[in-house]
Amino acid sequence: MKVKKIVIYINELIEQENISLRELGRQADVQISALSPLASGKKQRIDLGHLKRIAEALDINDMNEIISIEDDEEDA
């Protein structure tokens, strides 16, 4: 069985929107302390409420723009 990992595209989204992580947190009403580990890849769990607010703040209708499940190459 292949090992999967969750990938969260916070850095790509803030770069695309030309905003800072702090600004995304402000717009989405999510604390920077919750966003920072997601952006750095140190945390793969994301609160569904945070996911919804990020999508609303960035006007995203497809969650695949924020998060995906991929094969974990490190465990292959």
PDB file of N, CA and C in Angstrom:
ATOM      1  N   MET A   1       0.841  -1.180   0.000  1.00  0.00           N
ATOM      2  CA  MET A   1       0.000   0.000   0.000  1.00  0.00           C
ATOM      3  C   MET A   1       0.886   1.245   0.000  1.00  0.00           C
ATOM      4  N   LYS A   2       0.567   2.174  -0.867  1.00  0.00           N
ATOM      5  CA  LYS A   2       1.331   3.419  -0.937  1.00  0.00           C
ATOM      6  C   LYS A   2       0.938   4.339   0.211  1.00  0.00           C
ATOM      7  N   VAL A   3       1.930   4.999   0.759  1.00  0.00           N
ATOM      8  CA  VAL A   3       1.699   5.974   1.822  1.00  0.00           C
ATOM      9  C   VAL A   3       1.314   7.298   1.173  1.00  0.00           C
ATOM     10  N   LYS A   4       0.300   7.917   1.709  1.00  0.00           N
ATOM     11  CA  LYS A   4      -0.188   9.195   1.182  1.00  0.00           C
ATOM     12  C   LYS A   4       0.160  10.319   2.153  1.00  0.00           C
ATOM     13  N   LYS A   5       0.210  11.506   1.626  1.00  0.00           N
ATOM     14  CA  LYS A   5       0.395  12.681   2.478  1.00  0.00           C
ATOM     15  C   LYS A   5      -0.569  13.765   2.025  1.00  0.00           C
ATOM     16  N   ILE A   6      -0.907  14.623   2.944  1.00  0.00           N
ATOM     17  CA  ILE A   6      -1.779  15.757   2.646  1.00  0.00           C
ATOM     18  C   ILE A   6      -0.885  16.948   2.332  1.00  0.00           C
ATOM     19  N   VAL A   7      -1.177  17.610   1.215  1.00  0.00           N
ATOM     20  CA  VAL A   7      -0.420  18.788   0.811  1.00  0.00           C
ATOM     21  C   VAL A   7      -1.358  19.986   0.869  1.00  0.00           C
ATOM     22  N   ILE A   8      -0.922  21.012   1.572  1.00  0.00           N
ATOM     23  CA  ILE A   8      -1.720  22.226   1.725  1.00  0.00           C
ATOM     24  C   ILE A   8      -0.978  23.357   1.033  1.00  0.00           C
ATOM     25  N   TYR A   9      -1.646  24.014   0.103  1.00  0.00           N
ATOM     26  CA  TYR A   9      -1.002  24.993  -0.777  1.00  0.00           C
ATOM     27  C   TYR A   9      -1.092  26.438  -0.266  1.00  0.00           C
ATOM     28  N   ILE A  10      -0.856  26.639   1.007  1.00  0.00           N
ATOM     29  CA  ILE A  10      -0.944  27.981   1.584  1.00  0.00           C
ATOM     30  C   ILE A  10       0.084  28.924   0.945  1.00  0.00           C
ATOM     31  N   ASN A  11       1.330  28.499   0.846  1.00  0.00           N
ATOM     32  CA  ASN A  11       2.369  29.380   0.280  1.00  0.00           C
ATOM     33  C   ASN A  11       2.063  29.759  -1.166  1.00  0.00           C
ATOM     34  N   GLU A  12       1.610  28.794  -1.950  1.00  0.00           N
ATOM     35  CA  GLU A  12       1.280  29.077  -3.339  1.00  0.00           C
ATOM     36  C   GLU A  12       0.113  30.062  -3.440  1.00  0.00           C
ATOM     37  N   LEU A  13      -0.853  29.916  -2.570  1.00  0.00           N
ATOM     38  CA  LEU A  13      -2.017  30.805  -2.596  1.00  0.00           C
ATOM     39  C   LEU A  13      -1.654  32.240  -2.219  1.00  0.00           C
ATOM     40  N   ILE A  14      -0.839  32.396  -1.172  1.00  0.00           N
ATOM     41  CA  ILE A  14      -0.495  33.766  -0.773  1.00  0.00           C
ATOM     42  C   ILE A  14       0.413  34.417  -1.809  1.00  0.00           C
ATOM     43  N   GLU A  15       1.262  33.615  -2.449  1.00  0.00           N
ATOM     44  CA  GLU A  15       2.100  34.163  -3.511  1.00  0.00           C
ATOM     45  C   GLU A  15       1.246  34.592  -4.705  1.00  0.00           C
ATOM     46  N   GLN A  16       0.298  33.746  -5.054  1.00  0.00           N
ATOM     47  CA  GLN A  16      -0.604  34.047  -6.175  1.00  0.00           C
ATOM     48  C   GLN A  16      -1.432  35.303  -5.901  1.00  0.00           C
ATOM     49  N   GLU A  17      -1.871  35.467  -4.663  1.00  0.00           N
ATOM     50  CA  GLU A  17      -2.683  36.627  -4.281  1.00  0.00           C
ATOM     51  C   GLU A  17      -1.835  37.842  -3.920  1.00  0.00           C
ATOM     52  N   ASN A  18      -0.515  37.630  -3.859  1.00  0.00           N
ATOM     53  CA  ASN A  18       0.417  38.693  -3.494  1.00  0.00           C
ATOM     54  C   ASN A  18       0.083  39.304  -2.131  1.00  0.00           C
ATOM     55  N   ILE A  19      -0.141  38.411  -1.168  1.00  0.00           N
ATOM     56  CA  ILE A  19      -0.399  38.835   0.205  1.00  0.00           C
ATOM     57  C   ILE A  19       0.526  38.048   1.133  1.00  0.00           C
ATOM     58  N   SER A  20       0.628  38.503   2.357  1.00  0.00           N
ATOM     59  CA  SER A  20       1.452  37.807   3.348  1.00  0.00           C
ATOM     60  C   SER A  20       0.600  36.759   4.070  1.00  0.00           C
ATOM     61  N   LEU A  21       1.273  35.883   4.755  1.00  0.00           N
ATOM     62  CA  LEU A  21       0.585  34.891   5.570  1.00  0.00           C
ATOM     63  C   LEU A  21      -0.243  35.582   6.649  1.00  0.00           C
ATOM     64  N   ARG A  22       0.315  36.626   7.207  1.00  0.00           N
ATOM     65  CA  ARG A  22      -0.400  37.404   8.228  1.00  0.00           C
ATOM     66  C   ARG A  22      -1.678  38.027   7.646  1.00  0.00           C
ATOM     67  N   GLU A  23      -1.593  38.522   6.410  1.00  0.00           N
ATOM     68  CA  GLU A  23      -2.772  39.118   5.762  1.00  0.00           C
ATOM     69  C   GLU A  23      -3.826  38.051   5.478  1.00  0.00           C
ATOM     70  N   LEU A  24      -3.402  36.871   5.051  1.00  0.00           N
ATOM     71  CA  LEU A  24      -4.365  35.785   4.842  1.00  0.00           C
ATOM     72  C   LEU A  24      -5.055  35.456   6.155  1.00  0.00           C
ATOM     73  N   GLY A  25      -4.289  35.391   7.226  1.00  0.00           N
ATOM     74  CA  GLY A  25      -4.871  35.131   8.534  1.00  0.00           C
ATOM     75  C   GLY A  25      -5.897  36.185   8.918  1.00  0.00           C
ATOM     76  N   ARG A  26      -5.578  37.432   8.636  1.00  0.00           N
ATOM     77  CA  ARG A  26      -6.510  38.522   8.950  1.00  0.00           C
ATOM     78  C   ARG A  26      -7.784  38.397   8.117  1.00  0.00           C
ATOM     79  N   GLN A  27      -7.624  38.176   6.812  1.00  0.00           N
ATOM     80  CA  GLN A  27      -8.779  38.079   5.921  1.00  0.00           C
ATOM     81  C   GLN A  27      -9.654  36.866   6.241  1.00  0.00           C
ATOM     82  N   ALA A  28      -9.008  35.759   6.607  1.00  0.00           N
ATOM     83  CA  ALA A  28      -9.737  34.522   6.865  1.00  0.00           C
ATOM     84  C   ALA A  28     -10.142  34.371   8.330  1.00  0.00           C
ATOM     85  N   ASP A  29      -9.701  35.293   9.168  1.00  0.00           N
ATOM     86  CA  ASP A  29      -9.947  35.223  10.608  1.00  0.00           C
ATOM     87  C   ASP A  29      -9.409  33.911  11.185  1.00  0.00           C
ATOM     88  N   VAL A  30      -8.154  33.602  10.803  1.00  0.00           N
ATOM     89  CA  VAL A  30      -7.447  32.424  11.298  1.00  0.00           C
ATOM     90  C   VAL A  30      -6.124  32.919  11.881  1.00  0.00           C
ATOM     91  N   GLN A  31      -5.806  32.487  13.080  1.00  0.00           N
ATOM     92  CA  GLN A  31      -4.583  32.950  13.727  1.00  0.00           C
ATOM     93  C   GLN A  31      -3.349  32.504  12.955  1.00  0.00           C
ATOM     94  N   ILE A  32      -2.354  33.367  12.926  1.00  0.00           N
ATOM     95  CA  ILE A  32      -1.095  33.076  12.241  1.00  0.00           C
ATOM     96  C   ILE A  32      -0.458  31.819  12.838  1.00  0.00           C
ATOM     97  N   SER A  33      -0.666  31.587  14.121  1.00  0.00           N
ATOM     98  CA  SER A  33      -0.101  30.398  14.767  1.00  0.00           C
ATOM     99  C   SER A  33      -0.719  29.107  14.222  1.00  0.00           C
ATOM    100  N   ALA A  34      -1.887  29.181  13.630  1.00  0.00           N
ATOM    101  CA  ALA A  34      -2.504  28.018  12.990  1.00  0.00           C
ATOM    102  C   ALA A  34      -2.069  27.900  11.532  1.00  0.00           C
ATOM    103  N   LEU A  35      -1.862  29.027  10.866  1.00  0.00           N
ATOM    104  CA  LEU A  35      -1.483  29.023   9.448  1.00  0.00           C
ATOM    105  C   LEU A  35      -0.010  28.685   9.228  1.00  0.00           C
ATOM    106  N   SER A  36       0.854  29.184  10.082  1.00  0.00           N
ATOM    107  CA  SER A  36       2.292  29.035   9.885  1.00  0.00           C
ATOM    108  C   SER A  36       2.743  27.571   9.768  1.00  0.00           C
ATOM    109  N   PRO A  37       2.320  26.677  10.668  1.00  0.00           N
ATOM    110  CA  PRO A  37       2.740  25.278  10.518  1.00  0.00           C
ATOM    111  C   PRO A  37       2.189  24.623   9.248  1.00  0.00           C
ATOM    112  N   LEU A  38       1.020  25.062   8.802  1.00  0.00           N
ATOM    113  CA  LEU A  38       0.461  24.532   7.549  1.00  0.00           C
ATOM    114  C   LEU A  38       1.298  24.984   6.363  1.00  0.00           C
ATOM    115  N   ALA A  39       1.683  26.254   6.373  1.00  0.00           N
ATOM    116  CA  ALA A  39       2.463  26.816   5.270  1.00  0.00           C
ATOM    117  C   ALA A  39       3.850  26.198   5.198  1.00  0.00           C
ATOM    118  N   SER A  40       4.420  25.857   6.347  1.00  0.00           N
ATOM    119  CA  SER A  40       5.777  25.306   6.371  1.00  0.00           C
ATOM    120  C   SER A  40       5.806  23.796   6.157  1.00  0.00           C
ATOM    121  N   GLY A  41       4.632  23.170   6.133  1.00  0.00           N
ATOM    122  CA  GLY A  41       4.569  21.725   5.944  1.00  0.00           C
ATOM    123  C   GLY A  41       4.811  20.935   7.215  1.00  0.00           C
ATOM    124  N   LYS A  42       4.907  21.619   8.340  1.00  0.00           N
ATOM    125  CA  LYS A  42       5.155  20.943   9.615  1.00  0.00           C
ATOM    126  C   LYS A  42       3.891  20.327  10.195  1.00  0.00           C
ATOM    127  N   LYS A  43       2.757  20.737   9.662  1.00  0.00           N
ATOM    128  CA  LYS A  43       1.475  20.220  10.142  1.00  0.00           C
ATOM    129  C   LYS A  43       0.626  19.885   8.932  1.00  0.00           C
ATOM    130  N   GLN A  44      -0.009  18.730   8.969  1.00  0.00           N
ATOM    131  CA  GLN A  44      -0.847  18.332   7.850  1.00  0.00           C
ATOM    132  C   GLN A  44      -2.324  18.315   8.218  1.00  0.00           C
ATOM    133  N   ARG A  45      -2.654  18.536   9.456  1.00  0.00           N
ATOM    134  CA  ARG A  45      -4.047  18.580   9.863  1.00  0.00           C
ATOM    135  C   ARG A  45      -4.547  20.007   9.699  1.00  0.00           C
ATOM    136  N   ILE A  46      -5.728  20.113   9.103  1.00  0.00           N
ATOM    137  CA  ILE A  46      -6.306  21.437   8.943  1.00  0.00           C
ATOM    138  C   ILE A  46      -7.744  21.399   9.447  1.00  0.00           C
ATOM    139  N   ASP A  47      -8.081  22.367  10.235  1.00  0.00           N
ATOM    140  CA  ASP A  47      -9.422  22.516  10.766  1.00  0.00           C
ATOM    141  C   ASP A  47     -10.368  22.840   9.610  1.00  0.00           C
ATOM    142  N   LEU A  48     -11.493  22.149   9.528  1.00  0.00           N
ATOM    143  CA  LEU A  48     -12.434  22.400   8.428  1.00  0.00           C
ATOM    144  C   LEU A  48     -12.980  23.826   8.451  1.00  0.00           C
ATOM    145  N   GLY A  49     -13.132  24.381   9.627  1.00  0.00           N
ATOM    146  CA  GLY A  49     -13.569  25.779   9.726  1.00  0.00           C
ATOM    147  C   GLY A  49     -12.529  26.726   9.132  1.00  0.00           C
ATOM    148  N   HIS A  50     -11.255  26.440   9.387  1.00  0.00           N
ATOM    149  CA  HIS A  50     -10.175  27.247   8.810  1.00  0.00           C
ATOM    150  C   HIS A  50     -10.169  27.108   7.292  1.00  0.00           C
ATOM    151  N   LEU A  51     -10.342  25.877   6.826  1.00  0.00           N
ATOM    152  CA  LEU A  51     -10.369  25.622   5.387  1.00  0.00           C
ATOM    153  C   LEU A  51     -11.479  26.425   4.719  1.00  0.00           C
ATOM    154  N   LYS A  52     -12.641  26.423   5.327  1.00  0.00           N
ATOM    155  CA  LYS A  52     -13.791  27.172   4.797  1.00  0.00           C
ATOM    156  C   LYS A  52     -13.499  28.670   4.778  1.00  0.00           C
ATOM    157  N   ARG A  53     -12.926  29.195   5.856  1.00  0.00           N
ATOM    158  CA  ARG A  53     -12.659  30.637   5.921  1.00  0.00           C
ATOM    159  C   ARG A  53     -11.560  31.059   4.946  1.00  0.00           C
ATOM    160  N   ILE A  54     -10.556  30.200   4.739  1.00  0.00           N
ATOM    161  CA  ILE A  54      -9.515  30.491   3.752  1.00  0.00           C
ATOM    162  C   ILE A  54     -10.139  30.536   2.366  1.00  0.00           C
ATOM    163  N   ALA A  55     -11.000  29.563   2.071  1.00  0.00           N
ATOM    164  CA  ALA A  55     -11.678  29.525   0.769  1.00  0.00           C
ATOM    165  C   ALA A  55     -12.536  30.779   0.571  1.00  0.00           C
ATOM    166  N   GLU A  56     -13.240  31.193   1.593  1.00  0.00           N
ATOM    167  CA  GLU A  56     -14.069  32.397   1.491  1.00  0.00           C
ATOM    168  C   GLU A  56     -13.209  33.643   1.294  1.00  0.00           C
ATOM    169  N   ALA A  57     -12.129  33.740   2.053  1.00  0.00           N
ATOM    170  CA  ALA A  57     -11.270  34.923   1.974  1.00  0.00           C
ATOM    171  C   ALA A  57     -10.637  35.061   0.596  1.00  0.00           C
ATOM    172  N   LEU A  58     -10.297  33.927  -0.031  1.00  0.00           N
ATOM    173  CA  LEU A  58      -9.623  33.966  -1.328  1.00  0.00           C
ATOM    174  C   LEU A  58     -10.574  33.696  -2.492  1.00  0.00           C
ATOM    175  N   ASP A  59     -11.876  33.614  -2.194  1.00  0.00           N
ATOM    176  CA  ASP A  59     -12.910  33.369  -3.206  1.00  0.00           C
ATOM    177  C   ASP A  59     -12.610  32.103  -4.005  1.00  0.00           C
ATOM    178  N   ILE A  60     -12.357  31.021  -3.277  1.00  0.00           N
ATOM    179  CA  ILE A  60     -12.047  29.723  -3.879  1.00  0.00           C
ATOM    180  C   ILE A  60     -13.262  28.817  -3.732  1.00  0.00           C
ATOM    181  N   ASN A  61     -13.667  28.182  -4.830  1.00  0.00           N
ATOM    182  CA  ASN A  61     -14.807  27.273  -4.812  1.00  0.00           C
ATOM    183  C   ASN A  61     -14.401  25.811  -4.887  1.00  0.00           C
ATOM    184  N   ASP A  62     -13.160  25.537  -5.231  1.00  0.00           N
ATOM    185  CA  ASP A  62     -12.673  24.176  -5.381  1.00  0.00           C
ATOM    186  C   ASP A  62     -11.598  23.917  -4.334  1.00  0.00           C
ATOM    187  N   MET A  63     -11.875  23.055  -3.373  1.00  0.00           N
ATOM    188  CA  MET A  63     -10.924  22.780  -2.292  1.00  0.00           C
ATOM    189  C   MET A  63      -9.610  22.215  -2.811  1.00  0.00           C
ATOM    190  N   ASN A  64      -9.602  21.648  -4.027  1.00  0.00           N
ATOM    191  CA  ASN A  64      -8.369  21.133  -4.606  1.00  0.00           C
ATOM    192  C   ASN A  64      -7.345  22.242  -4.855  1.00  0.00           C
ATOM    193  N   GLU A  65      -7.790  23.485  -4.848  1.00  0.00           N
ATOM    194  CA  GLU A  65      -6.855  24.606  -4.973  1.00  0.00           C
ATOM    195  C   GLU A  65      -6.116  24.855  -3.658  1.00  0.00           C
ATOM    196  N   ILE A  66      -6.660  24.348  -2.565  1.00  0.00           N
ATOM    197  CA  ILE A  66      -6.075  24.564  -1.244  1.00  0.00           C
ATOM    198  C   ILE A  66      -5.364  23.319  -0.727  1.00  0.00           C
ATOM    199  N   ILE A  67      -5.909  22.163  -1.009  1.00  0.00           N
ATOM    200  CA  ILE A  67      -5.430  20.931  -0.382  1.00  0.00           C
ATOM    201  C   ILE A  67      -5.521  19.765  -1.363  1.00  0.00           C
ATOM    202  N   SER A  68      -4.565  18.839  -1.263  1.00  0.00           N
ATOM    203  CA  SER A  68      -4.637  17.614  -2.065  1.00  0.00           C
ATOM    204  C   SER A  68      -4.005  16.466  -1.294  1.00  0.00           C
ATOM    205  N   ILE A  69      -4.256  15.261  -1.769  1.00  0.00           N
ATOM    206  CA  ILE A  69      -3.643  14.060  -1.205  1.00  0.00           C
ATOM    207  C   ILE A  69      -2.762  13.469  -2.292  1.00  0.00           C
ATOM    208  N   GLU A  70      -1.487  13.278  -1.961  1.00  0.00           N
ATOM    209  CA  GLU A  70      -0.509  12.811  -2.932  1.00  0.00           C
ATOM    210  C   GLU A  70       0.299  11.658  -2.351  1.00  0.00           C
ATOM    211  N   ASP A  71       0.969  10.918  -3.225  1.00  0.00           N
ATOM    212  CA  ASP A  71       1.878   9.869  -2.764  1.00  0.00           C
ATOM    213  C   ASP A  71       3.018  10.507  -2.002  1.00  0.00           C
ATOM    214  N   ASP A  72       3.412   9.888  -0.901  1.00  0.00           N
ATOM    215  CA  ASP A  72       4.529  10.375  -0.108  1.00  0.00           C
ATOM    216  C   ASP A  72       5.804   9.758  -0.655  1.00  0.00           C
ATOM    217  N   GLU A  73       6.554  10.532  -1.395  1.00  0.00           N
ATOM    218  CA  GLU A  73       7.781  10.056  -2.036  1.00  0.00           C
ATOM    219  C   GLU A  73       8.846   9.642  -1.018  1.00  0.00           C
ATOM    220  N   GLU A  74       8.842  10.245   0.153  1.00  0.00           N
ATOM    221  CA  GLU A  74       9.838   9.940   1.176  1.00  0.00           C
ATOM    222  C   GLU A  74       9.654   8.534   1.736  1.00  0.00           C
ATOM    223  N   ASP A  75       8.433   8.060   1.755  1.00  0.00           N
ATOM    224  CA  ASP A  75       8.141   6.738   2.306  1.00  0.00           C
ATOM    225  C   ASP A  75       8.079   5.667   1.226  1.00  0.00           C
ATOM    226  N   ALA A  76       8.346   6.050  -0.023  1.00  0.00           N
ATOM    227  CA  ALA A  76       8.238   5.082  -1.127  1.00  0.00           C
ATOM    228  C   ALA A  76       9.404   4.120  -1.136  1.00  0.00           C
TER     229      ALA A  76
END
